[in-house]
Amino acid sequence: MKKFFALPLSLALALSLAACGGGSAASADASGADAAAKTEIVYGKSQGPYTELFEAAIVPILEEQGYTLKGVDLADLLAADIALNDGEVDVNVEQHIAYAENFNANNNGDLVAISPIPTVPAGIYSETHTSLDEVTEGAKIAVPNDASNTARAYVLLEKIGWIKLDEGADRSTVTQDDIVDNPKKLQFVEMKSLTIPAAIRDFDYVVITGSIVYNAGIDPSTALATEDIMDHLVLQVVVKEKNKDAAWAQAIVDAYHSDEFKAYLAEHNNGLWWIPEELR
C-alpha cells in the first residue's frame, strides 16, 4: 500500500511545485535565466571609476562572447550590496574584501570576492604646499572618518614618516589612539570622505581615498604620496557565494585577466590605477 500511494503523491508534489514556480525557476538568477544557460549579466551600477572601467573595458569583452550586460543604478555601496545579496543584481565591482566581510557580518550576507581588480589608491594632496617637506609644526591634516579609510590614512601618514603607530596595532583598524609619536604635533581632523575635496583649502594637507579623488575631478598625478594598498583594501569582483563558480562569473574574471584588458590599461591609465600583480 505504501508503494502504491508513493508514486501519485510524489507526482502531485512535483506538479504543485512547478505550478508555484518551484524547481529550476526558483533558483533563477537576477536576470531570470537558468544559471546554467545564463547569458544576461546584471551589474550594480554607481558613479565612480570602478563601474566606468567595467563598462568601458570589461563589458565589450563580455559582449563579444555573447553576453548581454544590464546595469542597475544604485544610490551607494550599501544599497548595491543589499541588491546583490537579494539577487536583484548578479555582480558589483565597487568594494574591497574588508567592506564585503563587514556587510556579510551585519546583514546575514553571503557575498564573496572572486578576483582582484585595479584599485585607486588613497593619496595626500594639498593646495597650499607642493612638497611633503613643507609640513610645519601644528599643521592641520584632514583624514576620512569612516573606520577602514581612517586606518588607511594613518598608515599612509606613518609611511611618509609624519607619525609613528603602535607596532602591535592591527594596521587595518588603527585609529588616532594608536599614534605613539607625533613629533610635529600635527592636528588631525576626521571628516566625511565626500566633504574633504571641497574643504581642501582649509587644511595644510588632506588624505583623499581613491574613488573620491576621481569623483572630485582631482588629478591623481598631483598626489604628494600614495598608499601601499593592503590586501584587504584591493577592489574586487563580488558575487553571491552560490554563483562564484558559474560560467558567467568566470567570464568576468577572465575578462579582467585578459590581454585585451591589459592593452586597455596600457593605453588609458594616467596614473589613477594601481594594478594587482596578477593582472599585469
C-alpha atoms as a PDB file:
ATOM      1  CA  MET A   1       0.000   0.000   0.000  1.00  0.00           C
ATOM      2  CA  LYS A   2       2.840   2.421   0.853  1.00  0.00           C
ATOM      3  CA  LYS A   3       4.399   1.880  -2.584  1.00  0.00           C
ATOM      4  CA  PHE A   4       1.020   2.262  -4.251  1.00  0.00           C
ATOM      5  CA  PHE A   5       0.421   5.728  -2.818  1.00  0.00           C
ATOM      6  CA  ALA A   6       4.055   6.948  -3.014  1.00  0.00           C
ATOM      7  CA  LEU A   7       4.200   7.483  -6.779  1.00  0.00           C
ATOM      8  CA  PRO A   8       0.969   9.511  -7.140  1.00  0.00           C
ATOM      9  CA  LEU A   9       1.908  11.587  -4.101  1.00  0.00           C
ATOM     10  CA  SER A  10       5.368  12.349  -5.495  1.00  0.00           C
ATOM     11  CA  LEU A  11       3.894  13.277  -8.874  1.00  0.00           C
ATOM     12  CA  ALA A  12       1.342  15.578  -7.277  1.00  0.00           C
ATOM     13  CA  LEU A  13       4.033  17.293  -5.247  1.00  0.00           C
ATOM     14  CA  ALA A  14       6.195  17.842  -8.311  1.00  0.00           C
ATOM     15  CA  LEU A  15       3.281  19.325 -10.260  1.00  0.00           C
ATOM     16  CA  SER A  16       2.416  21.565  -7.333  1.00  0.00           C
ATOM     17  CA  LEU A  17       5.965  22.904  -7.115  1.00  0.00           C
ATOM     18  CA  ALA A  18       6.073  23.543 -10.845  1.00  0.00           C
ATOM     19  CA  ALA A  19       2.779  25.433 -10.723  1.00  0.00           C
ATOM     20  CA  CYS A  20       4.089  27.597  -7.884  1.00  0.00           C
ATOM     21  CA  GLY A  21       7.293  28.494  -9.729  1.00  0.00           C
ATOM     22  CA  GLY A  22       9.469  25.917  -7.995  1.00  0.00           C
ATOM     23  CA  GLY A  23      12.175  23.733  -9.432  1.00  0.00           C
ATOM     24  CA  SER A  24      14.737  25.404 -11.703  1.00  0.00           C
ATOM     25  CA  ALA A  25      12.771  28.652 -11.823  1.00  0.00           C
ATOM     26  CA  ALA A  26      13.195  29.065  -8.059  1.00  0.00           C
ATOM     27  CA  SER A  27      16.940  29.014  -8.474  1.00  0.00           C
ATOM     28  CA  ALA A  28      16.898  31.597 -11.243  1.00  0.00           C
ATOM     29  CA  ASP A  29      19.447  34.395 -11.057  1.00  0.00           C
ATOM     30  CA  ALA A  30      18.919  38.181 -11.225  1.00  0.00           C
ATOM     31  CA  SER A  31      18.108  38.100 -14.937  1.00  0.00           C
ATOM     32  CA  GLY A  32      15.512  35.397 -14.504  1.00  0.00           C
ATOM     33  CA  ALA A  33      17.510  32.906 -16.581  1.00  0.00           C
ATOM     34  CA  ASP A  34      18.585  29.454 -15.508  1.00  0.00           C
ATOM     35  CA  ALA A  35      22.124  29.699 -14.148  1.00  0.00           C
ATOM     36  CA  ALA A  36      23.457  27.001 -16.466  1.00  0.00           C
ATOM     37  CA  ALA A  37      22.303  28.876 -19.593  1.00  0.00           C
ATOM     38  CA  LYS A  38      22.685  32.430 -18.336  1.00  0.00           C
ATOM     39  CA  THR A  39      23.611  34.978 -20.986  1.00  0.00           C
ATOM     40  CA  GLU A  40      22.439  38.213 -19.330  1.00  0.00           C
ATOM     41  CA  ILE A  41      24.585  39.645 -16.535  1.00  0.00           C
ATOM     42  CA  VAL A  42      23.000  42.292 -14.325  1.00  0.00           C
ATOM     43  CA  TYR A  43      25.513  44.507 -12.537  1.00  0.00           C
ATOM     44  CA  GLY A  44      25.164  47.084  -9.803  1.00  0.00           C
ATOM     45  CA  LYS A  45      25.992  50.489 -11.213  1.00  0.00           C
ATOM     46  CA  SER A  46      27.228  53.520  -9.301  1.00  0.00           C
ATOM     47  CA  GLN A  47      29.030  56.755 -10.077  1.00  0.00           C
ATOM     48  CA  GLY A  48      32.762  56.367  -9.894  1.00  0.00           C
ATOM     49  CA  PRO A  49      35.817  54.892 -11.571  1.00  0.00           C
ATOM     50  CA  TYR A  50      35.167  51.206 -10.975  1.00  0.00           C
ATOM     51  CA  THR A  51      31.841  50.962 -12.777  1.00  0.00           C
ATOM     52  CA  GLU A  52      33.167  53.203 -15.538  1.00  0.00           C
ATOM     53  CA  LEU A  53      36.203  50.962 -16.018  1.00  0.00           C
ATOM     54  CA  PHE A  54      33.925  47.920 -16.063  1.00  0.00           C
ATOM     55  CA  GLU A  55      31.675  49.461 -18.702  1.00  0.00           C
ATOM     56  CA  ALA A  56      34.490  50.800 -20.870  1.00  0.00           C
ATOM     57  CA  ALA A  57      36.811  47.802 -20.820  1.00  0.00           C
ATOM     58  CA  ILE A  58      35.097  44.676 -19.489  1.00  0.00           C
ATOM     59  CA  VAL A  59      31.597  44.925 -20.970  1.00  0.00           C
ATOM     60  CA  PRO A  60      32.862  44.914 -24.596  1.00  0.00           C
ATOM     61  CA  ILE A  61      34.896  41.755 -23.923  1.00  0.00           C
ATOM     62  CA  LEU A  62      31.869  40.008 -22.448  1.00  0.00           C
ATOM     63  CA  GLU A  63      29.592  41.160 -25.263  1.00  0.00           C
ATOM     64  CA  GLU A  64      31.995  39.662 -27.807  1.00  0.00           C
ATOM     65  CA  GLN A  65      31.453  36.348 -26.024  1.00  0.00           C
ATOM     66  CA  GLY A  66      27.680  36.589 -26.428  1.00  0.00           C
ATOM     67  CA  TYR A  67      26.708  38.022 -23.046  1.00  0.00           C
ATOM     68  CA  THR A  68      24.229  40.843 -22.604  1.00  0.00           C
ATOM     69  CA  LEU A  69      25.040  43.316 -19.840  1.00  0.00           C
ATOM     70  CA  LYS A  70      22.439  45.330 -17.937  1.00  0.00           C
ATOM     71  CA  GLY A  71      23.307  47.993 -15.359  1.00  0.00           C
ATOM     72  CA  VAL A  72      21.065  48.863 -12.416  1.00  0.00           C
ATOM     73  CA  ASP A  73      21.635  52.295 -10.855  1.00  0.00           C
ATOM     74  CA  LEU A  74      22.063  52.144  -7.085  1.00  0.00           C
ATOM     75  CA  ALA A  75      22.445  55.002  -4.631  1.00  0.00           C
ATOM     76  CA  ASP A  76      25.502  53.799  -2.729  1.00  0.00           C
ATOM     77  CA  LEU A  77      27.576  50.738  -1.907  1.00  0.00           C
ATOM     78  CA  LEU A  78      25.290  49.563   0.883  1.00  0.00           C
ATOM     79  CA  ALA A  79      22.312  49.634  -1.488  1.00  0.00           C
ATOM     80  CA  ALA A  80      24.431  47.831  -4.093  1.00  0.00           C
ATOM     81  CA  ASP A  81      25.316  45.051  -1.670  1.00  0.00           C
ATOM     82  CA  ILE A  82      21.733  44.663  -0.493  1.00  0.00           C
ATOM     83  CA  ALA A  83      20.626  44.326  -4.115  1.00  0.00           C
ATOM     84  CA  LEU A  84      23.383  41.794  -4.755  1.00  0.00           C
ATOM     85  CA  ASN A  85      22.619  39.794  -1.633  1.00  0.00           C
ATOM     86  CA  ASP A  86      18.896  39.758  -2.501  1.00  0.00           C
ATOM     87  CA  GLY A  87      19.597  38.535  -6.040  1.00  0.00           C
ATOM     88  CA  GLU A  88      18.394  41.693  -7.776  1.00  0.00           C
ATOM     89  CA  VAL A  89      21.798  42.049  -9.433  1.00  0.00           C
ATOM     90  CA  ASP A  90      24.461  39.460 -10.187  1.00  0.00           C
ATOM     91  CA  VAL A  91      27.704  41.307  -9.522  1.00  0.00           C
ATOM     92  CA  ASN A  92      29.322  44.533  -8.420  1.00  0.00           C
ATOM     93  CA  VAL A  93      32.858  45.883  -8.697  1.00  0.00           C
ATOM     94  CA  GLU A  94      32.786  48.662  -6.105  1.00  0.00           C
ATOM     95  CA  GLN A  95      34.239  47.192  -2.914  1.00  0.00           C
ATOM     96  CA  HIS A  96      37.208  45.614  -1.211  1.00  0.00           C
ATOM     97  CA  ILE A  97      37.260  42.469   0.925  1.00  0.00           C
ATOM     98  CA  ALA A  98      37.076  44.394   4.198  1.00  0.00           C
ATOM     99  CA  TYR A  99      33.806  46.040   3.176  1.00  0.00           C
ATOM    100  CA  ALA A 100      32.262  42.802   1.883  1.00  0.00           C
ATOM    101  CA  GLU A 101      33.137  40.934   5.068  1.00  0.00           C
ATOM    102  CA  ASN A 102      31.677  43.708   7.188  1.00  0.00           C
ATOM    103  CA  PHE A 103      28.489  43.659   5.095  1.00  0.00           C
ATOM    104  CA  ASN A 104      28.171  39.886   5.471  1.00  0.00           C
ATOM    105  CA  ALA A 105      28.607  40.068   9.233  1.00  0.00           C
ATOM    106  CA  ASN A 106      25.999  42.778   9.694  1.00  0.00           C
ATOM    107  CA  ASN A 107      23.442  41.780   7.065  1.00  0.00           C
ATOM    108  CA  ASN A 108      23.444  37.977   7.049  1.00  0.00           C
ATOM    109  CA  GLY A 109      25.131  38.186   3.672  1.00  0.00           C
ATOM    110  CA  ASP A 110      26.921  35.576   1.587  1.00  0.00           C
ATOM    111  CA  LEU A 111      28.959  37.771  -0.740  1.00  0.00           C
ATOM    112  CA  VAL A 112      32.352  36.523  -1.915  1.00  0.00           C
ATOM    113  CA  ALA A 113      35.224  38.091  -3.837  1.00  0.00           C
ATOM    114  CA  ILE A 114      36.273  36.193  -6.955  1.00  0.00           C
ATOM    115  CA  SER A 115      39.004  38.394  -8.450  1.00  0.00           C
ATOM    116  CA  PRO A 116      41.019  41.486  -7.603  1.00  0.00           C
ATOM    117  CA  ILE A 117      40.696  44.439  -9.955  1.00  0.00           C
ATOM    118  CA  PRO A 118      42.616  47.695 -10.489  1.00  0.00           C
ATOM    119  CA  THR A 119      42.280  49.987  -7.479  1.00  0.00           C
ATOM    120  CA  VAL A 120      42.646  53.736  -7.000  1.00  0.00           C
ATOM    121  CA  PRO A 121      44.978  54.334  -4.027  1.00  0.00           C
ATOM    122  CA  ALA A 122      44.453  56.906  -1.311  1.00  0.00           C
ATOM    123  CA  GLY A 123      46.812  59.869  -1.525  1.00  0.00           C
ATOM    124  CA  ILE A 124      47.956  63.026   0.231  1.00  0.00           C
ATOM    125  CA  TYR A 125      47.054  66.267  -1.516  1.00  0.00           C
ATOM    126  CA  SER A 126      47.466  69.978  -0.837  1.00  0.00           C
ATOM    127  CA  GLU A 127      46.555  73.265  -2.484  1.00  0.00           C
ATOM    128  CA  THR A 128      48.932  75.284  -0.340  1.00  0.00           C
ATOM    129  CA  HIS A 129      52.049  73.103  -0.377  1.00  0.00           C
ATOM    130  CA  THR A 130      53.976  71.490  -3.206  1.00  0.00           C
ATOM    131  CA  SER A 131      56.043  69.094  -1.120  1.00  0.00           C
ATOM    132  CA  LEU A 132      55.758  66.937   1.971  1.00  0.00           C
ATOM    133  CA  ASP A 133      58.914  68.631   3.204  1.00  0.00           C
ATOM    134  CA  GLU A 134      56.926  71.844   3.733  1.00  0.00           C
ATOM    135  CA  VAL A 135      54.943  70.380   6.631  1.00  0.00           C
ATOM    136  CA  THR A 136      55.228  72.595   9.706  1.00  0.00           C
ATOM    137  CA  GLU A 137      54.630  72.056  13.396  1.00  0.00           C
ATOM    138  CA  GLY A 138      50.927  72.017  14.214  1.00  0.00           C
ATOM    139  CA  ALA A 139      49.842  71.601  10.577  1.00  0.00           C
ATOM    140  CA  LYS A 140      46.182  70.635  10.068  1.00  0.00           C
ATOM    141  CA  ILE A 141      45.562  67.354   8.292  1.00  0.00           C
ATOM    142  CA  ALA A 142      42.112  66.175   7.145  1.00  0.00           C
ATOM    143  CA  VAL A 143      41.511  62.411   7.154  1.00  0.00           C
ATOM    144  CA  PRO A 144      38.396  60.322   6.404  1.00  0.00           C
ATOM    145  CA  ASN A 145      36.236  59.444   9.410  1.00  0.00           C
ATOM    146  CA  ASP A 146      34.915  56.021   8.323  1.00  0.00           C
ATOM    147  CA  ALA A 147      36.776  53.182  10.006  1.00  0.00           C
ATOM    148  CA  SER A 148      38.588  51.419   7.147  1.00  0.00           C
ATOM    149  CA  ASN A 149      39.593  54.665   5.447  1.00  0.00           C
ATOM    150  CA  THR A 150      40.672  56.276   8.719  1.00  0.00           C
ATOM    151  CA  ALA A 151      43.100  53.407   9.191  1.00  0.00           C
ATOM    152  CA  ARG A 152      44.369  53.821   5.626  1.00  0.00           C
ATOM    153  CA  ALA A 153      45.061  57.497   6.281  1.00  0.00           C
ATOM    154  CA  TYR A 154      47.098  56.944   9.429  1.00  0.00           C
ATOM    155  CA  VAL A 155      49.049  54.090   7.824  1.00  0.00           C
ATOM    156  CA  LEU A 156      49.870  56.429   4.924  1.00  0.00           C
ATOM    157  CA  LEU A 157      50.956  59.174   7.329  1.00  0.00           C
ATOM    158  CA  GLU A 158      53.189  56.654   9.049  1.00  0.00           C
ATOM    159  CA  LYS A 159      54.642  55.610   5.684  1.00  0.00           C
ATOM    160  CA  ILE A 160      55.841  59.161   4.988  1.00  0.00           C
ATOM    161  CA  GLY A 161      57.301  59.477   8.478  1.00  0.00           C
ATOM    162  CA  TRP A 162      54.966  62.080   9.968  1.00  0.00           C
ATOM    163  CA  ILE A 163      53.705  59.818  12.761  1.00  0.00           C
ATOM    164  CA  LYS A 164      54.521  56.503  14.372  1.00  0.00           C
ATOM    165  CA  LEU A 165      51.869  53.920  15.162  1.00  0.00           C
ATOM    166  CA  ASP A 166      51.893  51.305  17.893  1.00  0.00           C
ATOM    167  CA  GLU A 167      53.870  48.385  16.477  1.00  0.00           C
ATOM    168  CA  GLY A 168      51.368  45.905  17.884  1.00  0.00           C
ATOM    169  CA  ALA A 169      48.301  47.581  16.391  1.00  0.00           C
ATOM    170  CA  ASP A 170      46.437  45.968  13.508  1.00  0.00           C
ATOM    171  CA  ARG A 171      47.137  48.243  10.543  1.00  0.00           C
ATOM    172  CA  SER A 172      43.687  47.547   9.100  1.00  0.00           C
ATOM    173  CA  THR A 173      41.920  49.024  12.132  1.00  0.00           C
ATOM    174  CA  VAL A 174      44.262  51.646  13.591  1.00  0.00           C
ATOM    175  CA  THR A 175      42.825  54.891  14.932  1.00  0.00           C
ATOM    176  CA  GLN A 176      44.228  58.156  16.216  1.00  0.00           C
ATOM    177  CA  ASP A 177      44.574  56.469  19.602  1.00  0.00           C
ATOM    178  CA  ASP A 178      47.232  54.171  18.130  1.00  0.00           C
ATOM    179  CA  ILE A 179      49.582  57.073  17.355  1.00  0.00           C
ATOM    180  CA  VAL A 180      52.542  56.776  19.736  1.00  0.00           C
ATOM    181  CA  ASP A 181      54.693  59.528  18.256  1.00  0.00           C
ATOM    182  CA  ASN A 182      53.648  62.780  16.575  1.00  0.00           C
ATOM    183  CA  PRO A 183      56.851  64.865  16.601  1.00  0.00           C
ATOM    184  CA  LYS A 184      55.397  67.830  14.699  1.00  0.00           C
ATOM    185  CA  LYS A 185      52.237  67.873  16.827  1.00  0.00           C
ATOM    186  CA  LEU A 186      50.078  67.587  13.731  1.00  0.00           C
ATOM    187  CA  GLN A 187      46.363  68.269  14.163  1.00  0.00           C
ATOM    188  CA  PHE A 188      44.126  65.608  12.673  1.00  0.00           C
ATOM    189  CA  VAL A 189      40.554  66.446  11.711  1.00  0.00           C
ATOM    190  CA  GLU A 190      38.434  63.407  10.862  1.00  0.00           C
ATOM    191  CA  MET A 191      35.558  64.138   8.478  1.00  0.00           C
ATOM    192  CA  LYS A 192      33.380  62.532   5.827  1.00  0.00           C
ATOM    193  CA  SER A 193      35.386  61.493   2.792  1.00  0.00           C
ATOM    194  CA  LEU A 194      32.989  63.200   0.378  1.00  0.00           C
ATOM    195  CA  THR A 195      33.459  66.570   2.062  1.00  0.00           C
ATOM    196  CA  ILE A 196      37.259  66.607   2.084  1.00  0.00           C
ATOM    197  CA  PRO A 197      37.883  67.811  -1.515  1.00  0.00           C
ATOM    198  CA  ALA A 198      35.629  70.843  -1.056  1.00  0.00           C
ATOM    199  CA  ALA A 199      37.435  71.736   2.183  1.00  0.00           C
ATOM    200  CA  ILE A 200      40.973  71.200   0.900  1.00  0.00           C
ATOM    201  CA  ARG A 201      41.883  74.902   1.206  1.00  0.00           C
ATOM    202  CA  ASP A 202      41.068  74.814   4.916  1.00  0.00           C
ATOM    203  CA  PHE A 203      43.896  72.347   5.594  1.00  0.00           C
ATOM    204  CA  ASP A 204      47.630  72.127   5.055  1.00  0.00           C
ATOM    205  CA  TYR A 205      47.266  68.603   3.732  1.00  0.00           C
ATOM    206  CA  VAL A 206      44.397  66.165   3.185  1.00  0.00           C
ATOM    207  CA  VAL A 207      44.175  62.412   2.721  1.00  0.00           C
ATOM    208  CA  ILE A 208      41.688  61.502  -0.005  1.00  0.00           C
ATOM    209  CA  THR A 209      40.685  57.957  -0.892  1.00  0.00           C
ATOM    210  CA  GLY A 210      40.580  56.515  -4.386  1.00  0.00           C
ATOM    211  CA  SER A 211      37.102  56.946  -5.800  1.00  0.00           C
ATOM    212  CA  ILE A 212      36.744  60.330  -4.062  1.00  0.00           C
ATOM    213  CA  VAL A 213      39.817  61.554  -5.955  1.00  0.00           C
ATOM    214  CA  TYR A 214      38.193  60.507  -9.207  1.00  0.00           C
ATOM    215  CA  ASN A 215      34.711  61.830  -8.494  1.00  0.00           C
ATOM    216  CA  ALA A 216      36.100  65.198  -7.337  1.00  0.00           C
ATOM    217  CA  GLY A 217      37.987  65.605 -10.608  1.00  0.00           C
ATOM    218  CA  ILE A 218      41.357  65.738  -8.865  1.00  0.00           C
ATOM    219  CA  ASP A 219      44.386  64.898 -10.995  1.00  0.00           C
ATOM    220  CA  PRO A 220      45.859  61.783  -9.328  1.00  0.00           C
ATOM    221  CA  SER A 221      49.325  62.738 -10.557  1.00  0.00           C
ATOM    222  CA  THR A 222      49.270  65.678  -8.124  1.00  0.00           C
ATOM    223  CA  ALA A 223      49.331  63.364  -5.094  1.00  0.00           C
ATOM    224  CA  LEU A 224      52.347  64.109  -2.916  1.00  0.00           C
ATOM    225  CA  ALA A 225      52.333  60.495  -1.707  1.00  0.00           C
ATOM    226  CA  THR A 226      50.138  57.430  -2.200  1.00  0.00           C
ATOM    227  CA  GLU A 227      49.426  54.446  -0.009  1.00  0.00           C
ATOM    228  CA  ASP A 228      50.809  50.960  -0.349  1.00  0.00           C
ATOM    229  CA  ILE A 229      47.495  49.197  -0.789  1.00  0.00           C
ATOM    230  CA  MET A 230      46.990  46.454   1.786  1.00  0.00           C
ATOM    231  CA  ASP A 231      45.493  43.173   0.583  1.00  0.00           C
ATOM    232  CA  HIS A 232      42.137  43.697   2.291  1.00  0.00           C
ATOM    233  CA  LEU A 233      41.721  47.066   0.509  1.00  0.00           C
ATOM    234  CA  VAL A 234      42.227  45.820  -3.054  1.00  0.00           C
ATOM    235  CA  LEU A 235      38.969  46.211  -5.009  1.00  0.00           C
ATOM    236  CA  GLN A 236      37.235  43.003  -6.030  1.00  0.00           C
ATOM    237  CA  VAL A 237      34.657  41.439  -8.317  1.00  0.00           C
ATOM    238  CA  VAL A 238      31.956  40.368  -5.843  1.00  0.00           C
ATOM    239  CA  VAL A 239      29.092  37.880  -6.310  1.00  0.00           C
ATOM    240  CA  LYS A 240      26.884  35.690  -4.153  1.00  0.00           C
ATOM    241  CA  GLU A 241      28.672  32.565  -2.966  1.00  0.00           C
ATOM    242  CA  LYS A 242      26.369  30.263  -4.936  1.00  0.00           C
ATOM    243  CA  ASN A 243      27.448  31.989  -8.164  1.00  0.00           C
ATOM    244  CA  LYS A 244      31.215  32.045  -7.630  1.00  0.00           C
ATOM    245  CA  ASP A 245      31.813  29.086  -9.985  1.00  0.00           C
ATOM    246  CA  ALA A 246      29.172  29.991 -12.570  1.00  0.00           C
ATOM    247  CA  ALA A 247      30.330  30.254 -16.183  1.00  0.00           C
ATOM    248  CA  TRP A 248      29.273  33.896 -16.441  1.00  0.00           C
ATOM    249  CA  ALA A 249      31.152  34.787 -13.233  1.00  0.00           C
ATOM    250  CA  GLN A 250      34.285  33.108 -14.554  1.00  0.00           C
ATOM    251  CA  ALA A 251      33.856  35.020 -17.800  1.00  0.00           C
ATOM    252  CA  ILE A 252      34.082  38.285 -15.830  1.00  0.00           C
ATOM    253  CA  VAL A 253      37.214  37.061 -14.033  1.00  0.00           C
ATOM    254  CA  ASP A 254      38.782  36.008 -17.331  1.00  0.00           C
ATOM    255  CA  ALA A 255      37.988  39.401 -18.867  1.00  0.00           C
ATOM    256  CA  TYR A 256      39.883  41.216 -16.099  1.00  0.00           C
ATOM    257  CA  HIS A 257      42.841  38.869 -16.671  1.00  0.00           C
ATOM    258  CA  SER A 258      42.751  39.104 -20.467  1.00  0.00           C
ATOM    259  CA  ASP A 259      45.292  40.605 -22.852  1.00  0.00           C
ATOM    260  CA  GLU A 260      42.558  42.927 -24.134  1.00  0.00           C
ATOM    261  CA  PHE A 261      42.133  44.416 -20.675  1.00  0.00           C
ATOM    262  CA  LYS A 262      45.889  44.791 -20.203  1.00  0.00           C
ATOM    263  CA  ALA A 263      46.052  46.647 -23.519  1.00  0.00           C
ATOM    264  CA  TYR A 264      43.221  48.931 -22.427  1.00  0.00           C
ATOM    265  CA  LEU A 265      45.014  49.839 -19.195  1.00  0.00           C
ATOM    266  CA  ALA A 266      48.305  50.398 -21.005  1.00  0.00           C
ATOM    267  CA  GLU A 267      46.582  52.982 -23.190  1.00  0.00           C
ATOM    268  CA  HIS A 268      44.267  54.645 -20.651  1.00  0.00           C
ATOM    269  CA  ASN A 269      45.921  54.501 -17.233  1.00  0.00           C
ATOM    270  CA  ASN A 270      47.120  58.037 -16.456  1.00  0.00           C
ATOM    271  CA  GLY A 271      48.414  57.161 -13.013  1.00  0.00           C
ATOM    272  CA  LEU A 272      44.951  56.726 -11.490  1.00  0.00           C
ATOM    273  CA  TRP A 273      45.044  52.938 -11.224  1.00  0.00           C
ATOM    274  CA  TRP A 274      47.163  50.642  -9.083  1.00  0.00           C
ATOM    275  CA  ILE A 275      47.126  47.270 -10.835  1.00  0.00           C
ATOM    276  CA  PRO A 276      47.360  43.986  -8.857  1.00  0.00           C
ATOM    277  CA  GLU A 277      50.346  41.829  -9.768  1.00  0.00           C
ATOM    278  CA  GLU A 278      48.204  39.021 -11.191  1.00  0.00           C
ATOM    279  CA  LEU A 279      46.589  41.412 -13.693  1.00  0.00           C
ATOM    280  CA  ARG A 280      49.838  42.867 -15.015  1.00  0.00           C
END
